[in-house]
C-alpha atoms as a PDB file:
ATOM      1  CA  MET A   1     -62.122  14.506-216.833  1.00  0.00           C
ATOM      2  CA  ALA A   2     -63.202  17.995-217.425  1.00  0.00           C
ATOM      3  CA  ARG A   3     -66.623  19.383-216.729  1.00  0.00           C
ATOM      4  CA  ILE A   4     -68.127  21.525-220.022  1.00  0.00           C
ATOM      5  CA  ALA A   5     -71.100  24.044-219.478  1.00  0.00           C
ATOM      6  CA  LEU A   6     -73.267  25.107-222.274  1.00  0.00           C
ATOM      7  CA  ILE A   7     -75.985  27.762-222.562  1.00  0.00           C
ATOM      8  CA  VAL A   8     -78.248  27.005-225.932  1.00  0.00           C
ATOM      9  CA  ALA A   9     -80.704  28.613-227.074  1.00  0.00           C
ATOM     10  CA  TYR A  10     -83.661  26.766-229.666  1.00  0.00           C
ATOM     11  CA  ASN A  11     -86.453  26.987-231.584  1.00  0.00           C
ATOM     12  CA  GLY A  12     -88.600  24.316-229.853  1.00  0.00           C
ATOM     13  CA  ARG A  13     -90.929  24.148-232.930  1.00  0.00           C
ATOM     14  CA  ASN A  14     -89.341  21.380-234.994  1.00  0.00           C
ATOM     15  CA  TYR A  15     -88.696  19.102-231.624  1.00  0.00           C
ATOM     16  CA  HIS A  16     -90.469  17.124-229.130  1.00  0.00           C
ATOM     17  CA  GLY A  17     -89.565  18.270-226.326  1.00  0.00           C
ATOM     18  CA  TRP A  18     -85.723  18.480-224.950  1.00  0.00           C
ATOM     19  CA  GLN A  19     -85.816  14.847-223.394  1.00  0.00           C
ATOM     20  CA  TYR A  20     -83.656  11.967-225.727  1.00  0.00           C
ATOM     21  CA  GLN A  21     -86.847   9.445-226.854  1.00  0.00           C
ATOM     22  CA  GLY A  22     -85.062   7.431-229.550  1.00  0.00           C
ATOM     23  CA  GLN A  23     -82.409   7.886-232.837  1.00  0.00           C
ATOM     24  CA  THR A  24     -86.158   8.285-234.974  1.00  0.00           C
ATOM     25  CA  THR A  25     -87.225  11.072-233.107  1.00  0.00           C
ATOM     26  CA  PRO A  26     -86.209  14.343-232.847  1.00  0.00           C
ATOM     27  CA  THR A  27     -85.304  15.713-229.887  1.00  0.00           C
ATOM     28  CA  ILE A  28     -82.780  18.867-228.922  1.00  0.00           C
ATOM     29  CA  GLN A  29     -81.195  16.161-226.476  1.00  0.00           C
ATOM     30  CA  ARG A  30     -80.821  14.031-229.715  1.00  0.00           C
ATOM     31  CA  GLU A  31     -79.237  16.502-232.557  1.00  0.00           C
ATOM     32  CA  LEU A  32     -77.087  17.910-229.395  1.00  0.00           C
ATOM     33  CA  THR A  33     -75.639  15.210-228.667  1.00  0.00           C
ATOM     34  CA  ALA A  34     -74.602  14.617-232.094  1.00  0.00           C
ATOM     35  CA  ALA A  35     -73.257  17.752-232.532  1.00  0.00           C
ATOM     36  CA  LEU A  36     -70.838  17.993-229.543  1.00  0.00           C
ATOM     37  CA  CYS A  37     -69.243  13.876-229.947  1.00  0.00           C
ATOM     38  CA  LYS A  38     -68.420  15.406-233.527  1.00  0.00           C
ATOM     39  CA  VAL A  39     -66.696  17.856-232.074  1.00  0.00           C
ATOM     40  CA  ALA A  40     -64.970  15.512-229.279  1.00  0.00           C
ATOM     41  CA  ASP A  41     -65.336  12.120-231.940  1.00  0.00           C
ATOM     42  CA  SER A  42     -66.393  10.675-228.843  1.00  0.00           C
ATOM     43  CA  ASP A  43     -69.439   9.998-226.850  1.00  0.00           C
ATOM     44  CA  LEU A  44     -71.045  12.186-224.575  1.00  0.00           C
ATOM     45  CA  ILE A  45     -73.773  12.775-222.237  1.00  0.00           C
ATOM     46  CA  LEU A  46     -75.641  15.808-221.357  1.00  0.00           C
ATOM     47  CA  HIS A  47     -77.351  16.674-218.474  1.00  0.00           C
ATOM     48  CA  ALA A  48     -79.920  20.054-218.822  1.00  0.00           C
ATOM     49  CA  ALA A  49     -80.972  22.809-216.298  1.00  0.00           C
ATOM     50  CA  GLY A  50     -84.966  21.472-217.372  1.00  0.00           C
ATOM     51  CA  ARG A  51     -86.661  19.203-219.178  1.00  0.00           C
ATOM     52  CA  THR A  52     -89.067  21.561-222.048  1.00  0.00           C
ATOM     53  CA  ASP A  53     -91.851  20.207-223.948  1.00  0.00           C
ATOM     54  CA  SER A  54     -92.955  20.347-227.445  1.00  0.00           C
ATOM     55  CA  GLY A  55     -92.843  23.134-229.361  1.00  0.00           C
ATOM     56  CA  VAL A  56     -91.028  25.081-226.185  1.00  0.00           C
ATOM     57  CA  HIS A  57     -88.330  27.742-227.204  1.00  0.00           C
ATOM     58  CA  ALA A  58     -85.531  28.641-224.977  1.00  0.00           C
ATOM     59  CA  THR A  59     -82.825  31.585-225.057  1.00  0.00           C
ATOM     60  CA  LYS A  60     -80.692  30.241-222.268  1.00  0.00           C
ATOM     61  CA  GLN A  61     -80.731  26.484-221.686  1.00  0.00           C
ATOM     62  CA  VAL A  62     -77.911  25.303-219.717  1.00  0.00           C
ATOM     63  CA  VAL A  63     -76.152  21.825-220.201  1.00  0.00           C
ATOM     64  CA  HIS A  64     -73.207  20.354-218.691  1.00  0.00           C
ATOM     65  CA  PHE A  65     -71.163  16.954-219.619  1.00  0.00           C
ATOM     66  CA  ASP A  66     -68.203  15.111-218.884  1.00  0.00           C
ATOM     67  CA  THR A  67     -65.429  14.687-221.394  1.00  0.00           C
ATOM     68  CA  LEU A  68     -61.649  13.479-221.843  1.00  0.00           C
ATOM     69  CA  VAL A  69     -61.300  15.501-224.483  1.00  0.00           C
ATOM     70  CA  SER A  70     -59.108  18.666-224.263  1.00  0.00           C
ATOM     71  CA  ARG A  71     -60.814  21.735-225.914  1.00  0.00           C
ATOM     72  CA  PRO A  72     -61.180  25.324-226.607  1.00  0.00           C
ATOM     73  CA  ASP A  73     -64.448  26.792-224.852  1.00  0.00           C
ATOM     74  CA  LYS A  74     -64.445  28.043-229.222  1.00  0.00           C
ATOM     75  CA  ALA A  75     -64.294  25.234-229.954  1.00  0.00           C
ATOM     76  CA  TRP A  76     -67.107  24.287-228.753  1.00  0.00           C
ATOM     77  CA  VAL A  77     -69.695  26.652-229.440  1.00  0.00           C
ATOM     78  CA  PHE A  78     -68.132  27.056-232.964  1.00  0.00           C
ATOM     79  CA  GLY A  79     -67.602  23.076-233.545  1.00  0.00           C
ATOM     80  CA  ALA A  80     -70.991  22.383-232.123  1.00  0.00           C
ATOM     81  CA  ASN A  81     -72.864  24.696-234.557  1.00  0.00           C
ATOM     82  CA  THR A  82     -70.919  23.423-237.902  1.00  0.00           C
ATOM     83  CA  HIS A  83     -73.114  20.694-237.024  1.00  0.00           C
ATOM     84  CA  LEU A  84     -76.206  21.486-235.509  1.00  0.00           C
ATOM     85  CA  PRO A  85     -79.585  22.645-237.837  1.00  0.00           C
ATOM     86  CA  ARG A  86     -79.917  26.179-237.403  1.00  0.00           C
ATOM     87  CA  ASP A  87     -82.701  26.194-235.358  1.00  0.00           C
ATOM     88  CA  ILE A  88     -80.534  25.214-231.855  1.00  0.00           C
ATOM     89  CA  SER A  89     -77.539  27.496-231.100  1.00  0.00           C
ATOM     90  CA  VAL A  90     -74.763  27.079-228.820  1.00  0.00           C
ATOM     91  CA  GLU A  91     -74.613  30.442-227.598  1.00  0.00           C
ATOM     92  CA  TRP A  92     -71.613  29.873-224.705  1.00  0.00           C
ATOM     93  CA  ALA A  93     -69.157  27.499-223.362  1.00  0.00           C
ATOM     94  CA  SER A  94     -66.812  27.012-220.468  1.00  0.00           C
ATOM     95  CA  GLU A  95     -64.488  24.567-218.368  1.00  0.00           C
ATOM     96  CA  VAL A  96     -66.948  24.636-214.882  1.00  0.00           C
ATOM     97  CA  SER A  97     -65.882  23.161-211.368  1.00  0.00           C
ATOM     98  CA  ASP A  98     -66.383  19.409-211.360  1.00  0.00           C
ATOM     99  CA  HIS A  99     -69.196  20.182-208.618  1.00  0.00           C
ATOM    100  CA  PHE A 100     -71.269  21.739-210.756  1.00  0.00           C
ATOM    101  CA  ASP A 101     -74.531  20.334-212.334  1.00  0.00           C
ATOM    102  CA  ALA A 102     -76.872  21.774-214.585  1.00  0.00           C
ATOM    103  CA  ARG A 103     -80.458  20.782-212.628  1.00  0.00           C
ATOM    104  CA  ARG A 104     -79.013  20.560-209.302  1.00  0.00           C
ATOM    105  CA  SER A 105     -77.462  23.501-208.827  1.00  0.00           C
ATOM    106  CA  ALA A 106     -79.506  25.947-210.378  1.00  0.00           C
ATOM    107  CA  PHE A 107     -81.964  27.545-207.720  1.00  0.00           C
ATOM    108  CA  ALA A 108     -84.669  28.984-210.135  1.00  0.00           C
ATOM    109  CA  ARG A 109     -85.617  28.922-213.790  1.00  0.00           C
ATOM    110  CA  ARG A 110     -87.727  31.798-215.072  1.00  0.00           C
ATOM    111  CA  TYR A 111     -89.959  31.858-218.752  1.00  0.00           C
ATOM    112  CA  ILE A 112     -92.152  33.917-219.886  1.00  0.00           C
ATOM    113  CA  TYR A 113     -94.922  33.105-221.950  1.00  0.00           C
ATOM    114  CA  ILE A 114     -96.586  35.646-224.805  1.00  0.00           C
ATOM    115  CA  ILE A 115     -99.982  35.554-226.355  1.00  0.00           C
ATOM    116  CA  HIS A 116    -100.865  37.950-229.042  1.00  0.00           C
ATOM    117  CA  ASN A 117    -104.437  39.142-227.835  1.00  0.00           C
ATOM    118  CA  ALA A 118    -106.046  40.249-231.364  1.00  0.00           C
ATOM    119  CA  LYS A 119    -109.468  39.598-233.129  1.00  0.00           C
ATOM    120  CA  VAL A 120    -106.746  38.271-236.360  1.00  0.00           C
ATOM    121  CA  ARG A 121    -104.298  35.984-235.472  1.00  0.00           C
ATOM    122  CA  SER A 122    -100.826  37.213-236.930  1.00  0.00           C
ATOM    123  CA  ALA A 123     -99.021  35.365-240.218  1.00  0.00           C
ATOM    124  CA  LEU A 124     -95.499  36.624-238.376  1.00  0.00           C
ATOM    125  CA  MET A 125     -93.416  35.495-235.572  1.00  0.00           C
ATOM    126  CA  GLN A 126     -96.337  32.451-235.020  1.00  0.00           C
ATOM    127  CA  ASP A 127     -93.501  30.582-233.644  1.00  0.00           C
ATOM    128  CA  TYR A 128     -93.379  32.053-230.501  1.00  0.00           C
ATOM    129  CA  LEU A 129     -96.843  33.562-229.766  1.00  0.00           C
ATOM    130  CA  SER A 130    -100.032  32.148-229.102  1.00  0.00           C
ATOM    131  CA  HIS A 131    -103.233  34.198-230.019  1.00  0.00           C
ATOM    132  CA  GLU A 132    -106.272  34.666-228.142  1.00  0.00           C
ATOM    133  CA  HIS A 133    -109.029  36.996-230.070  1.00  0.00           C
ATOM    134  CA  ARG A 134    -111.055  37.538-226.945  1.00  0.00           C
ATOM    135  CA  LEU A 135    -109.974  40.667-225.485  1.00  0.00           C
ATOM    136  CA  LEU A 136    -107.817  39.422-222.025  1.00  0.00           C
ATOM    137  CA  ASP A 137    -107.894  41.835-219.256  1.00  0.00           C
ATOM    138  CA  GLU A 138    -104.349  41.712-218.374  1.00  0.00           C
ATOM    139  CA  ASP A 139    -104.364  44.073-214.444  1.00  0.00           C
ATOM    140  CA  ALA A 140    -107.277  41.359-213.621  1.00  0.00           C
ATOM    141  CA  MET A 141    -104.496  38.463-214.969  1.00  0.00           C
ATOM    142  CA  HIS A 142    -101.593  40.093-212.615  1.00  0.00           C
ATOM    143  CA  GLN A 143    -103.835  40.277-209.790  1.00  0.00           C
ATOM    144  CA  ALA A 144    -105.298  36.711-209.759  1.00  0.00           C
ATOM    145  CA  ALA A 145    -101.852  35.387-210.133  1.00  0.00           C
ATOM    146  CA  GLN A 146    -100.466  37.207-207.346  1.00  0.00           C
ATOM    147  CA  ALA A 147    -102.631  34.438-205.196  1.00  0.00           C
ATOM    148  CA  LEU A 148     -99.630  31.539-206.622  1.00  0.00           C
ATOM    149  CA  VAL A 149     -96.891  33.838-205.237  1.00  0.00           C
ATOM    150  CA  GLY A 150     -94.569  31.452-202.469  1.00  0.00           C
ATOM    151  CA  GLU A 151     -93.995  28.082-201.978  1.00  0.00           C
ATOM    152  CA  ASN A 152     -97.726  26.157-202.804  1.00  0.00           C
ATOM    153  CA  ASP A 153     -98.923  22.644-203.902  1.00  0.00           C
ATOM    154  CA  PHE A 154     -99.290  22.926-207.603  1.00  0.00           C
ATOM    155  CA  SER A 155    -101.163  19.834-208.346  1.00  0.00           C
ATOM    156  CA  SER A 156    -104.389  22.013-210.132  1.00  0.00           C
ATOM    157  CA  PHE A 157    -101.658  22.974-212.524  1.00  0.00           C
ATOM    158  CA  ARG A 158     -99.417  20.300-213.013  1.00  0.00           C
ATOM    159  CA  ALA A 159    -100.138  17.522-215.893  1.00  0.00           C
ATOM    160  CA  ALA A 160    -101.739  14.184-215.349  1.00  0.00           C
ATOM    161  CA  HIS A 161     -98.561  12.186-216.125  1.00  0.00           C
ATOM    162  CA  CYS A 162     -96.391  14.407-214.130  1.00  0.00           C
ATOM    163  CA  GLN A 163     -93.255  12.716-212.219  1.00  0.00           C
ATOM    164  CA  SER A 164     -92.243  14.624-210.049  1.00  0.00           C
ATOM    165  CA  VAL A 165     -92.547  13.481-206.530  1.00  0.00           C
ATOM    166  CA  SER A 166     -93.849  16.608-205.160  1.00  0.00           C
ATOM    167  CA  PRO A 167     -95.857  19.284-206.067  1.00  0.00           C
ATOM    168  CA  MET A 168     -94.409  21.685-204.209  1.00  0.00           C
ATOM    169  CA  ARG A 169     -92.917  24.467-205.946  1.00  0.00           C
ATOM    170  CA  ASN A 170     -91.450  27.864-204.748  1.00  0.00           C
ATOM    171  CA  LEU A 171     -92.906  30.484-207.695  1.00  0.00           C
ATOM    172  CA  MET A 172     -91.037  33.546-206.496  1.00  0.00           C
ATOM    173  CA  HIS A 173     -92.945  36.249-208.891  1.00  0.00           C
ATOM    174  CA  ILE A 174     -95.344  35.699-211.911  1.00  0.00           C
ATOM    175  CA  ASN A 175     -96.283  39.349-213.864  1.00  0.00           C
ATOM    176  CA  VAL A 176     -98.760  39.906-216.147  1.00  0.00           C
ATOM    177  CA  ASN A 177     -98.438  43.114-218.154  1.00  0.00           C
ATOM    178  CA  ARG A 178     -99.025  43.998-222.176  1.00  0.00           C
ATOM    179  CA  LYS A 179     -97.297  45.936-224.961  1.00  0.00           C
ATOM    180  CA  GLY A 180     -99.521  46.437-227.747  1.00  0.00           C
ATOM    181  CA  ASP A 181    -101.450  43.593-228.562  1.00  0.00           C
ATOM    182  CA  LEU A 182     -99.245  40.989-226.816  1.00  0.00           C
ATOM    183  CA  VAL A 183     -99.831  40.374-223.124  1.00  0.00           C
ATOM    184  CA  ILE A 184     -96.815  38.775-221.786  1.00  0.00           C
ATOM    185  CA  ILE A 185     -96.819  36.333-218.577  1.00  0.00           C
ATOM    186  CA  ASP A 186     -93.229  36.215-216.861  1.00  0.00           C
ATOM    187  CA  VAL A 187     -92.951  33.459-213.833  1.00  0.00           C
ATOM    188  CA  ARG A 188     -90.086  33.080-211.909  1.00  0.00           C
ATOM    189  CA  ALA A 189     -89.591  29.527-209.356  1.00  0.00           C
ATOM    190  CA  ASN A 190     -87.298  27.224-207.794  1.00  0.00           C
ATOM    191  CA  ALA A 191     -88.382  24.357-210.347  1.00  0.00           C
ATOM    192  CA  PHE A 192     -91.538  23.923-212.169  1.00  0.00           C
ATOM    193  CA  LEU A 193     -93.660  20.517-212.522  1.00  0.00           C
ATOM    194  CA  HIS A 194     -94.348  19.292-216.038  1.00  0.00           C
ATOM    195  CA  HIS A 195     -97.202  21.884-218.199  1.00  0.00           C
ATOM    196  CA  MET A 196     -96.703  23.828-214.949  1.00  0.00           C
ATOM    197  CA  VAL A 197     -96.372  27.101-216.196  1.00  0.00           C
ATOM    198  CA  ARG A 198     -98.807  26.613-219.539  1.00  0.00           C
ATOM    199  CA  ASN A 199    -101.288  25.114-216.801  1.00  0.00           C
ATOM    200  CA  ILE A 200    -101.493  28.711-215.396  1.00  0.00           C
ATOM    201  CA  VAL A 201    -101.229  30.986-218.334  1.00  0.00           C
ATOM    202  CA  GLY A 202    -104.479  28.712-219.242  1.00  0.00           C
ATOM    203  CA  ALA A 203    -106.072  29.765-216.386  1.00  0.00           C
ATOM    204  CA  LEU A 204    -105.461  33.377-215.954  1.00  0.00           C
ATOM    205  CA  VAL A 205    -106.697  33.461-219.696  1.00  0.00           C
ATOM    206  CA  GLU A 206    -109.751  32.562-218.326  1.00  0.00           C
ATOM    207  CA  VAL A 207    -110.009  35.563-215.799  1.00  0.00           C
ATOM    208  CA  GLY A 208    -108.835  38.101-218.618  1.00  0.00           C
ATOM    209  CA  THR A 209    -111.697  36.883-220.827  1.00  0.00           C
ATOM    210  CA  ALA A 210    -113.893  37.199-217.274  1.00  0.00           C
ATOM    211  CA  ARG A 211    -115.485  33.910-217.691  1.00  0.00           C
ATOM    212  CA  LYS A 212    -113.699  33.032-213.904  1.00  0.00           C
ATOM    213  CA  PRO A 213    -113.228  36.041-211.273  1.00  0.00           C
ATOM    214  CA  ILE A 214    -110.213  37.331-209.555  1.00  0.00           C
ATOM    215  CA  THR A 215    -110.397  34.730-206.479  1.00  0.00           C
ATOM    216  CA  TRP A 216    -110.767  31.399-208.711  1.00  0.00           C
ATOM    217  CA  ILE A 217    -106.953  31.140-209.256  1.00  0.00           C
ATOM    218  CA  SER A 218    -106.480  31.130-205.078  1.00  0.00           C
ATOM    219  CA  GLU A 219    -109.214  28.719-204.847  1.00  0.00           C
ATOM    220  CA  LEU A 220    -108.255  26.719-207.321  1.00  0.00           C
ATOM    221  CA  LEU A 221    -104.514  26.241-206.288  1.00  0.00           C
ATOM    222  CA  SER A 222    -106.149  25.269-203.192  1.00  0.00           C
ATOM    223  CA  LEU A 223    -108.327  22.723-204.431  1.00  0.00           C
ATOM    224  CA  ALA A 224    -104.550  20.903-205.124  1.00  0.00           C
ATOM    225  CA  ASP A 225    -106.628  19.323-208.060  1.00  0.00           C
ATOM    226  CA  ARG A 226    -105.880  19.009-211.767  1.00  0.00           C
ATOM    227  CA  THR A 227    -109.079  18.737-213.055  1.00  0.00           C
ATOM    228  CA  ALA A 228    -110.855  21.590-211.873  1.00  0.00           C
ATOM    229  CA  GLY A 229    -108.462  23.419-213.658  1.00  0.00           C
ATOM    230  CA  ALA A 230    -108.661  25.069-217.030  1.00  0.00           C
ATOM    231  CA  ARG A 231    -107.307  23.815-220.817  1.00  0.00           C
ATOM    232  CA  THR A 232    -103.427  23.854-221.098  1.00  0.00           C
ATOM    233  CA  SER A 233    -102.027  26.483-223.081  1.00  0.00           C
ATOM    234  CA  ALA A 234    -100.603  26.237-226.363  1.00  0.00           C
ATOM    235  CA  PRO A 235     -96.474  25.107-226.084  1.00  0.00           C
ATOM    236  CA  GLU A 236     -95.804  27.742-228.980  1.00  0.00           C
ATOM    237  CA  GLY A 237     -96.190  31.083-226.790  1.00  0.00           C
ATOM    238  CA  LEU A 238     -93.693  29.747-223.792  1.00  0.00           C
ATOM    239  CA  SER A 239     -89.575  30.773-223.461  1.00  0.00           C
ATOM    240  CA  LEU A 240     -87.044  29.360-221.073  1.00  0.00           C
ATOM    241  CA  ILE A 241     -85.017  32.569-220.767  1.00  0.00           C
ATOM    242  CA  ASP A 242     -82.767  32.393-217.447  1.00  0.00           C
ATOM    243  CA  VAL A 243     -81.388  29.979-215.085  1.00  0.00           C
ATOM    244  CA  SER A 244     -79.771  31.055-211.965  1.00  0.00           C
ATOM    245  CA  TYR A 245     -76.990  29.585-210.345  1.00  0.00           C
ATOM    246  CA  PRO A 246     -74.570  30.265-207.448  1.00  0.00           C
ATOM    247  CA  GLU A 247     -72.260  32.994-208.493  1.00  0.00           C
ATOM    248  CA  GLU A 248     -69.461  30.992-207.726  1.00  0.00           C
ATOM    249  CA  PHE A 249     -70.054  28.363-211.023  1.00  0.00           C
ATOM    250  CA  GLU A 250     -69.777  31.929-212.762  1.00  0.00           C
ATOM    251  CA  ILE A 251     -72.504  31.198-215.152  1.00  0.00           C
ATOM    252  CA  PRO A 252     -73.885  34.354-217.590  1.00  0.00           C
ATOM    253  CA  LEU A 253     -76.645  36.494-216.245  1.00  0.00           C
ATOM    254  CA  VAL A 254     -78.022  36.350-219.929  1.00  0.00           C
ATOM    255  CA  ALA A 255     -75.460  35.048-222.697  1.00  0.00           C
ATOM    256  CA  GLY A 256     -77.714  36.195-225.656  1.00  0.00           C
ATOM    257  CA  LEU A 257     -81.435  37.136-226.593  1.00  0.00           C
ATOM    258  CA  PRO A 258     -82.794  35.974-229.456  1.00  0.00           C
ATOM    259  CA  HIS A 259     -83.511  39.316-231.763  1.00  0.00           C
ATOM    260  CA  VAL A 260     -87.576  38.775-231.617  1.00  0.00           C
ATOM    261  CA  TYR A 261     -87.562  39.388-227.972  1.00  0.00           C
ATOM    262  CA  ARG A 262     -84.822  42.238-228.000  1.00  0.00           C
ATOM    263  CA  MET A 263     -87.575  43.629-230.790  1.00  0.00           C
ATOM    264  CA  LEU A 264     -90.134  43.242-229.002  1.00  0.00           C
ATOM    265  CA  ASP A 265     -88.364  44.640-225.423  1.00  0.00           C
ATOM    266  CA  ILE A 266     -90.359  42.204-223.113  1.00  0.00           C
ATOM    267  CA  THR A 267     -87.754  40.523-221.297  1.00  0.00           C
ATOM    268  CA  GLY A 268     -86.735  43.160-218.639  1.00  0.00           C
ATOM    269  CA  PHE A 269     -83.353  42.228-219.406  1.00  0.00           C
END
């Protein structure tokens, strides 16, 4: 039995998130499982680092599966991509230790959220940008966001139907900066609650438009009450861009970023 790890990139616009939801619902897991099973000529069960929501993208989703079939690494990559739709791509594959687990072995996940901050919406790259016509104060947003750093109860920023046992998460960094008309929120944590990033962004937009003071984010965190928070921001601005593992597993730091992010020069890689 071999354990294979993959790095997968995808545009989530046409999918109901990562998680398999039956044969008739398009999800990333459904499409990827079908493609890999054709390469293996046998059934496979996939496990991912995180369950991205409907419409959310990934440049580095990490997946593992076990198989009795022997294939060269490139066969998993090119074979799977032959059977995948154009908006999903296997970027890297390798056999790994059977102690590796795509979800449990990860010690951090990193997301970016991109807001096109302009009076008029853009006709280009709509899949990867949300839109806010009101002028945002990115410095105020960044200052307010620092109240979230550290291990905290993020109940005010979790979805009402979130199934996580604990609302406690360790947020390692959150940065807000501007590049032209783009406001970028870059956030890294040990793990995330359902809709946590999108709810944080929604709250920060309230600060950025001066509808709420900078201190509101700290107050909201202390309340531990989702009903006191802001609206959930749109999914299309959100991308999972990195998952971190101990060096012993030899998972590449970055397998490759889609051209849209390299052109925007927003990730810091």
